[in-house]
Amino acid sequence: MPTIDENRREWNERYGWDSGGAPWSKPWGSAEAQWNRCIHPRIAQFLPAPFILEIAPGYGRWTEFLLGHCDQLVGVDVAANCTDACRERFAHDPRVSFETNDGRSLPMVADGSVDFAFSFDSLVHVEADAIEGYLTELARVLKPDGVAFIHHSNFGTYQRSTRALAPLQPTLDRLPTAARAGLLRGGVYKGAHWRATSMTAARLAEMSVGAGLRCVGQELVNWEGGILLLDTFSVVTRPGSPWDGDNRIVRNWLFRAEARSVRRTHSIYDTPPPGPDRARPG
């Protein structure tokens, strides 16, 4: 169960940020490919947004792309080194600012100021207490028609089965590479990958109501492949906003297959052609 303090230590001291988090996009081929064909299609209806709040931007992997869709962006991260790195990286852009927080609150963001809040590939590592804190703050900072897209853990759904498998973990670790690969493909040998154990899709929906918000859409995905839907993309808004409605839940076991497809083709669609610029035909 990664605590806020453990997250702060992990991203401040332990994780090597030499590549700025780029290896996490490797299943899609590149960060640009992941943005173009995984992330942006899921949030395109909410963009452009005059004021974007990004929670836990890391080294700005997604900030770079979000800036093309807003007039102002504030990034808030629990890790001071991430805040410092983003300030340096985007120092040339007066539209963006970065602040360090306590991992659950947003005192630097004004009431009713945010059009779109976004967090991706970060809050999967925080437990329910932190998510609940952020939801309470989102109820304060979102505009009446504001909306939030939150990527979080669904690992709590599988706690009973993973506890049963835990005693077998050392044995599984000693299996030959080929045998482990077979189990990976079958969705058996996966592990939590430091996912929050207290979070589920259902719990976020419940906490949203408790915070005075509405969860209106949830996509459960097999982020690591296999059969376990470890992660959830949740869409949250204010009651009565244009986005309000019943919570639509989709279980997407094809998510990892989509990533493989993007990776196979990203050199065509997401990579600039080599050589000098060429005039478009016609």
Protein backbone atom coordinates (compact mmCIF):
# COMPACT_ATOMS: atom_id res chain seq x y z
CA MET A 1 0.00 0.00 0.00
CA PRO A 2 2.06 2.99 -1.19
CA THR A 3 1.57 5.93 1.18
CA ILE A 4 1.94 9.59 0.25
CA ASP A 5 5.33 9.69 2.00
CA GLU A 6 6.46 6.58 0.11
CA ASN A 7 5.40 8.20 -3.15
CA ARG A 8 7.32 11.35 -2.25
CA ARG A 9 10.47 9.33 -1.54
CA GLU A 10 10.04 7.16 -4.63
CA TRP A 11 9.74 10.02 -7.11
CA ASN A 12 12.13 12.37 -5.32
CA GLU A 13 14.93 9.98 -4.44
CA ARG A 14 14.66 6.48 -5.88
CA TYR A 15 13.32 6.66 -9.41
CA GLY A 16 15.83 7.62 -12.08
CA TRP A 17 14.31 10.41 -14.15
CA ASP A 18 17.11 10.49 -16.73
CA SER A 19 14.66 9.75 -19.55
CA GLY A 20 11.85 11.89 -18.11
CA GLY A 21 9.49 8.92 -17.77
CA ALA A 22 9.65 8.02 -21.47
CA PRO A 23 10.06 4.25 -20.83
CA TRP A 24 6.49 4.13 -19.52
CA SER A 25 5.32 4.91 -23.07
CA LYS A 26 7.35 2.07 -24.60
CA PRO A 27 4.31 -0.25 -25.05
CA TRP A 28 2.89 2.40 -27.46
CA GLY A 29 6.21 3.10 -29.17
CA SER A 30 6.64 6.67 -27.91
CA ALA A 31 5.02 9.30 -25.71
CA GLU A 32 3.75 11.07 -28.84
CA ALA A 33 2.12 7.89 -30.12
CA GLN A 34 0.53 7.21 -26.72
CA TRP A 35 -0.85 10.73 -26.58
CA ASN A 36 -2.10 10.78 -30.17
CA ARG A 37 -3.86 7.43 -30.18
CA CYS A 38 -4.46 6.45 -26.55
CA ILE A 39 -4.93 9.57 -24.43
CA HIS A 40 -6.14 12.37 -26.70
CA PRO A 41 -9.01 10.37 -28.26
CA ARG A 42 -10.33 9.74 -24.74
CA ILE A 43 -10.32 13.41 -23.69
CA ALA A 44 -10.81 15.21 -27.02
CA GLN A 45 -14.43 16.11 -26.21
CA PHE A 46 -13.22 18.14 -23.20
CA LEU A 47 -10.67 20.15 -25.17
CA PRO A 48 -9.77 22.90 -25.72
CA ALA A 49 -10.08 24.06 -22.13
CA PRO A 50 -9.05 27.58 -21.08
CA PHE A 51 -7.62 26.50 -17.70
CA ILE A 52 -6.20 22.99 -17.22
CA LEU A 53 -5.11 21.51 -13.89
CA GLU A 54 -2.66 18.62 -14.19
CA ILE A 55 -2.22 16.51 -11.07
CA ALA A 56 1.11 14.66 -10.73
CA PRO A 57 2.72 15.67 -14.05
CA GLY A 58 6.07 14.06 -13.23
CA TYR A 59 8.61 15.52 -15.65
CA GLY A 60 5.92 16.93 -17.95
CA ARG A 61 5.45 14.01 -20.32
CA TRP A 62 1.79 14.97 -20.93
CA THR A 63 2.12 18.68 -20.08
CA GLU A 64 3.86 19.18 -23.42
CA PHE A 65 0.75 18.03 -25.27
CA LEU A 66 -1.86 19.57 -22.96
CA LEU A 67 -0.35 23.02 -23.55
CA GLY A 68 -1.56 22.85 -27.13
CA HIS A 69 -5.15 22.85 -25.85
CA CYS A 70 -5.33 25.59 -23.20
CA ASP A 71 -4.64 29.22 -22.33
CA GLN A 72 -3.29 28.41 -18.86
CA LEU A 73 -2.06 25.28 -17.10
CA VAL A 74 -0.99 24.61 -13.53
CA GLY A 75 0.78 21.37 -12.64
CA VAL A 76 0.79 20.11 -9.06
CA ASP A 77 3.06 17.30 -7.85
CA VAL A 78 3.99 15.81 -4.48
CA ALA A 79 7.62 15.42 -5.61
CA ALA A 80 9.60 18.67 -5.47
CA ASN A 81 12.16 17.44 -7.98
CA CYS A 82 9.35 16.91 -10.52
CA THR A 83 8.08 20.44 -9.89
CA ASP A 84 11.59 21.84 -10.32
CA ALA A 85 12.21 19.84 -13.51
CA CYS A 86 8.94 21.04 -15.05
CA ARG A 87 9.68 24.66 -14.15
CA GLU A 88 13.00 24.36 -15.94
CA ARG A 89 11.59 22.49 -18.93
CA PHE A 90 8.73 24.93 -19.54
CA ALA A 91 10.44 28.12 -18.33
CA HIS A 92 9.92 29.69 -21.77
CA ASP A 93 6.12 29.40 -21.60
CA PRO A 94 4.33 32.06 -19.51
CA ARG A 95 1.06 30.13 -19.63
CA VAL A 96 2.23 27.36 -17.31
CA SER A 97 3.22 27.16 -13.63
CA PHE A 98 4.09 24.30 -11.27
CA GLU A 99 3.62 23.85 -7.53
CA THR A 100 4.51 21.21 -4.95
CA ASN A 101 1.70 19.99 -2.71
CA ASP A 102 1.04 17.53 0.13
CA GLY A 103 -0.26 14.77 -2.17
CA ARG A 104 -3.94 15.30 -1.49
CA SER A 105 -4.89 19.01 -1.55
CA LEU A 106 -4.76 21.93 -3.98
CA PRO A 107 -4.47 25.15 -1.94
CA MET A 108 -2.71 26.92 -4.82
CA VAL A 109 -5.78 26.56 -7.10
CA ALA A 110 -8.60 29.08 -6.84
CA ASP A 111 -12.23 28.12 -6.25
CA GLY A 112 -14.24 27.52 -9.42
CA SER A 113 -11.31 28.16 -11.75
CA VAL A 114 -10.61 24.83 -13.51
CA ASP A 115 -12.18 23.88 -16.82
CA PHE A 116 -10.43 20.50 -17.13
CA ALA A 117 -8.47 18.49 -14.56
CA PHE A 118 -6.22 15.71 -15.81
CA SER A 119 -4.05 13.02 -14.25
CA PHE A 120 -2.59 10.08 -16.15
CA ASP A 121 -0.17 7.27 -15.25
CA SER A 122 0.48 8.67 -11.76
CA LEU A 123 -2.42 8.33 -9.33
CA VAL A 124 -2.49 4.55 -9.82
CA HIS A 125 0.13 4.60 -7.05
CA VAL A 126 -1.88 6.48 -4.43
CA GLU A 127 -4.37 5.05 -1.98
CA ALA A 128 -7.98 5.99 -1.30
CA ASP A 129 -7.16 8.68 1.26
CA ALA A 130 -5.23 10.70 -1.34
CA ILE A 131 -7.85 10.18 -4.05
CA GLU A 132 -10.59 11.25 -1.65
CA GLY A 133 -8.63 14.38 -0.82
CA TYR A 134 -8.26 15.27 -4.48
CA LEU A 135 -11.95 14.65 -5.17
CA THR A 136 -12.88 16.98 -2.31
CA GLU A 137 -10.60 19.62 -3.79
CA LEU A 138 -11.95 19.08 -7.31
CA ALA A 139 -15.43 19.79 -5.98
CA ARG A 140 -14.06 23.16 -4.91
CA VAL A 141 -11.91 24.13 -7.90
CA LEU A 142 -13.94 22.89 -10.89
CA LYS A 143 -16.07 25.40 -12.74
CA PRO A 144 -19.82 24.63 -12.91
CA ASP A 145 -19.23 22.97 -16.30
CA GLY A 146 -15.77 21.62 -15.42
CA VAL A 147 -14.76 18.01 -15.80
CA ALA A 148 -11.91 15.78 -14.58
CA PHE A 149 -10.21 12.75 -16.16
CA ILE A 150 -8.49 10.61 -13.52
CA HIS A 151 -6.37 7.50 -14.12
CA HIS A 152 -6.37 5.45 -10.89
CA SER A 153 -5.95 1.93 -9.54
CA ASN A 154 -8.60 -0.78 -9.68
CA PHE A 155 -6.30 -3.30 -8.02
CA GLY A 156 -8.44 -3.48 -4.88
CA THR A 157 -10.95 -5.52 -6.90
CA TYR A 158 -8.45 -8.40 -6.98
CA GLN A 159 -7.11 -8.30 -3.42
CA ARG A 160 -8.61 -11.65 -2.42
CA SER A 161 -7.16 -13.53 -5.40
CA THR A 162 -3.77 -11.82 -5.17
CA ARG A 163 -3.51 -12.61 -1.46
CA ALA A 164 -4.12 -16.26 -2.31
CA LEU A 165 -1.31 -16.18 -4.90
CA ALA A 166 1.16 -14.30 -2.69
CA PRO A 167 2.72 -17.43 -1.10
CA LEU A 168 3.43 -18.73 -4.61
CA GLN A 169 5.28 -15.60 -5.71
CA PRO A 170 8.82 -16.82 -4.81
CA THR A 171 8.20 -20.03 -6.74
CA LEU A 172 6.87 -18.14 -9.73
CA ASP A 173 9.92 -15.89 -9.65
CA ARG A 174 12.19 -18.92 -9.97
CA LEU A 175 10.44 -20.27 -13.07
CA PRO A 176 12.39 -20.30 -16.36
CA THR A 177 11.90 -17.22 -18.51
CA ALA A 178 9.81 -19.09 -21.08
CA ALA A 179 7.47 -20.40 -18.40
CA ARG A 180 7.03 -16.96 -16.86
CA ALA A 181 6.35 -15.51 -20.31
CA GLY A 182 3.61 -18.09 -20.82
CA LEU A 183 2.00 -17.15 -17.52
CA LEU A 184 2.23 -13.48 -18.44
CA ARG A 185 0.41 -14.10 -21.69
CA GLY A 186 -2.25 -16.00 -19.77
CA GLY A 187 -2.77 -13.16 -17.32
CA VAL A 188 -1.74 -15.20 -14.27
CA TYR A 189 1.73 -13.90 -13.35
CA LYS A 190 1.22 -10.15 -13.10
CA GLY A 191 1.62 -8.60 -9.69
CA ALA A 192 0.42 -5.21 -8.52
CA HIS A 193 3.17 -3.09 -10.09
CA TRP A 194 2.90 -0.82 -7.01
CA ARG A 195 -0.80 -0.25 -7.60
CA ALA A 196 -2.85 1.13 -4.73
CA THR A 197 -4.64 -1.76 -3.05
CA SER A 198 -7.45 0.30 -1.51
CA MET A 199 -8.71 1.76 -4.80
CA THR A 200 -11.35 0.37 -7.15
CA ALA A 201 -13.56 1.84 -9.83
CA ALA A 202 -16.61 1.46 -7.59
CA ARG A 203 -14.89 3.19 -4.69
CA LEU A 204 -14.00 6.23 -6.79
CA ALA A 205 -17.62 6.52 -7.92
CA GLU A 206 -18.77 6.36 -4.29
CA MET A 207 -16.19 8.89 -3.10
CA SER A 208 -17.19 11.25 -5.91
CA VAL A 209 -20.72 11.35 -4.58
CA GLY A 210 -19.39 11.92 -1.07
CA ALA A 211 -17.39 14.89 -2.35
CA GLY A 212 -20.42 16.40 -4.07
CA LEU A 213 -19.41 15.28 -7.58
CA ARG A 214 -20.68 12.74 -10.09
CA CYS A 215 -18.68 9.99 -11.76
CA VAL A 216 -20.16 9.76 -15.26
CA GLY A 217 -17.85 7.35 -17.05
CA GLN A 218 -15.34 4.62 -16.20
CA GLU A 219 -13.16 2.55 -18.51
CA LEU A 220 -11.54 -0.41 -16.77
CA VAL A 221 -8.39 -1.52 -18.63
CA ASN A 222 -5.87 -4.36 -18.54
CA TRP A 223 -2.90 -1.98 -18.36
CA GLU A 224 -0.39 -4.79 -17.89
CA GLY A 225 -2.14 -7.14 -20.32
CA GLY A 226 -3.81 -10.42 -19.45
CA ILE A 227 -7.18 -10.71 -17.79
CA LEU A 228 -6.85 -8.34 -14.82
CA LEU A 229 -8.37 -4.88 -15.27
CA LEU A 230 -5.84 -3.24 -12.95
CA ASP A 231 -6.56 0.39 -13.88
CA THR A 232 -9.53 2.70 -14.39
CA PHE A 233 -10.00 5.94 -16.31
CA SER A 234 -12.76 7.83 -14.52
CA VAL A 235 -14.59 10.95 -15.71
CA VAL A 236 -15.90 13.16 -12.90
CA THR A 237 -17.98 16.34 -13.06
CA ARG A 238 -20.31 18.54 -11.06
CA PRO A 239 -23.99 17.59 -10.75
CA GLY A 240 -25.97 19.52 -13.34
CA SER A 241 -23.00 20.22 -15.61
CA PRO A 242 -23.31 19.55 -19.36
CA TRP A 243 -21.32 16.33 -18.77
CA ASP A 244 -23.60 15.02 -16.00
CA GLY A 245 -25.44 11.73 -16.47
CA ASP A 246 -25.48 8.10 -15.44
CA ASN A 247 -22.15 6.40 -14.86
CA ARG A 248 -21.28 4.45 -18.00
CA ILE A 249 -18.89 1.57 -17.25
CA VAL A 250 -16.87 -0.22 -19.93
CA ARG A 251 -14.55 -3.17 -19.27
CA ASN A 252 -11.87 -3.01 -21.95
CA TRP A 253 -9.81 -6.21 -22.17
CA LEU A 254 -8.45 -5.02 -25.55
CA PHE A 255 -6.52 -2.09 -24.10
CA ARG A 256 -3.11 -3.75 -24.21
CA ALA A 257 -3.82 -5.11 -27.69
CA GLU A 258 -4.56 -1.55 -28.78
CA ALA A 259 -1.16 -0.50 -27.43
CA ARG A 260 0.56 -3.24 -29.43
CA SER A 261 -1.22 -2.08 -32.58
CA VAL A 262 -0.13 1.52 -32.00
CA ARG A 263 3.45 0.42 -31.42
CA ARG A 264 3.51 -1.52 -34.70
CA THR A 265 2.32 1.48 -36.71
CA HIS A 266 3.58 4.51 -34.79
CA SER A 267 6.55 5.01 -37.12
CA ILE A 268 4.05 5.84 -39.88
CA TYR A 269 1.62 8.04 -37.99
CA ASP A 270 3.51 9.53 -35.03
CA THR A 271 7.09 10.01 -36.23
CA PRO A 272 8.21 12.88 -38.50
CA PRO A 273 9.69 11.66 -41.81
CA PRO A 274 13.48 11.67 -42.04
CA GLY A 275 15.35 14.16 -44.17
CA PRO A 276 14.57 17.74 -45.14
CA ASP A 277 11.05 19.11 -45.09
CA ARG A 278 9.06 18.32 -48.17
CA ALA A 279 6.28 20.37 -49.71
CA ARG A 280 2.87 18.79 -49.59
CA PRO A 281 1.68 17.52 -52.96
CA GLY A 282 -0.87 19.75 -54.67
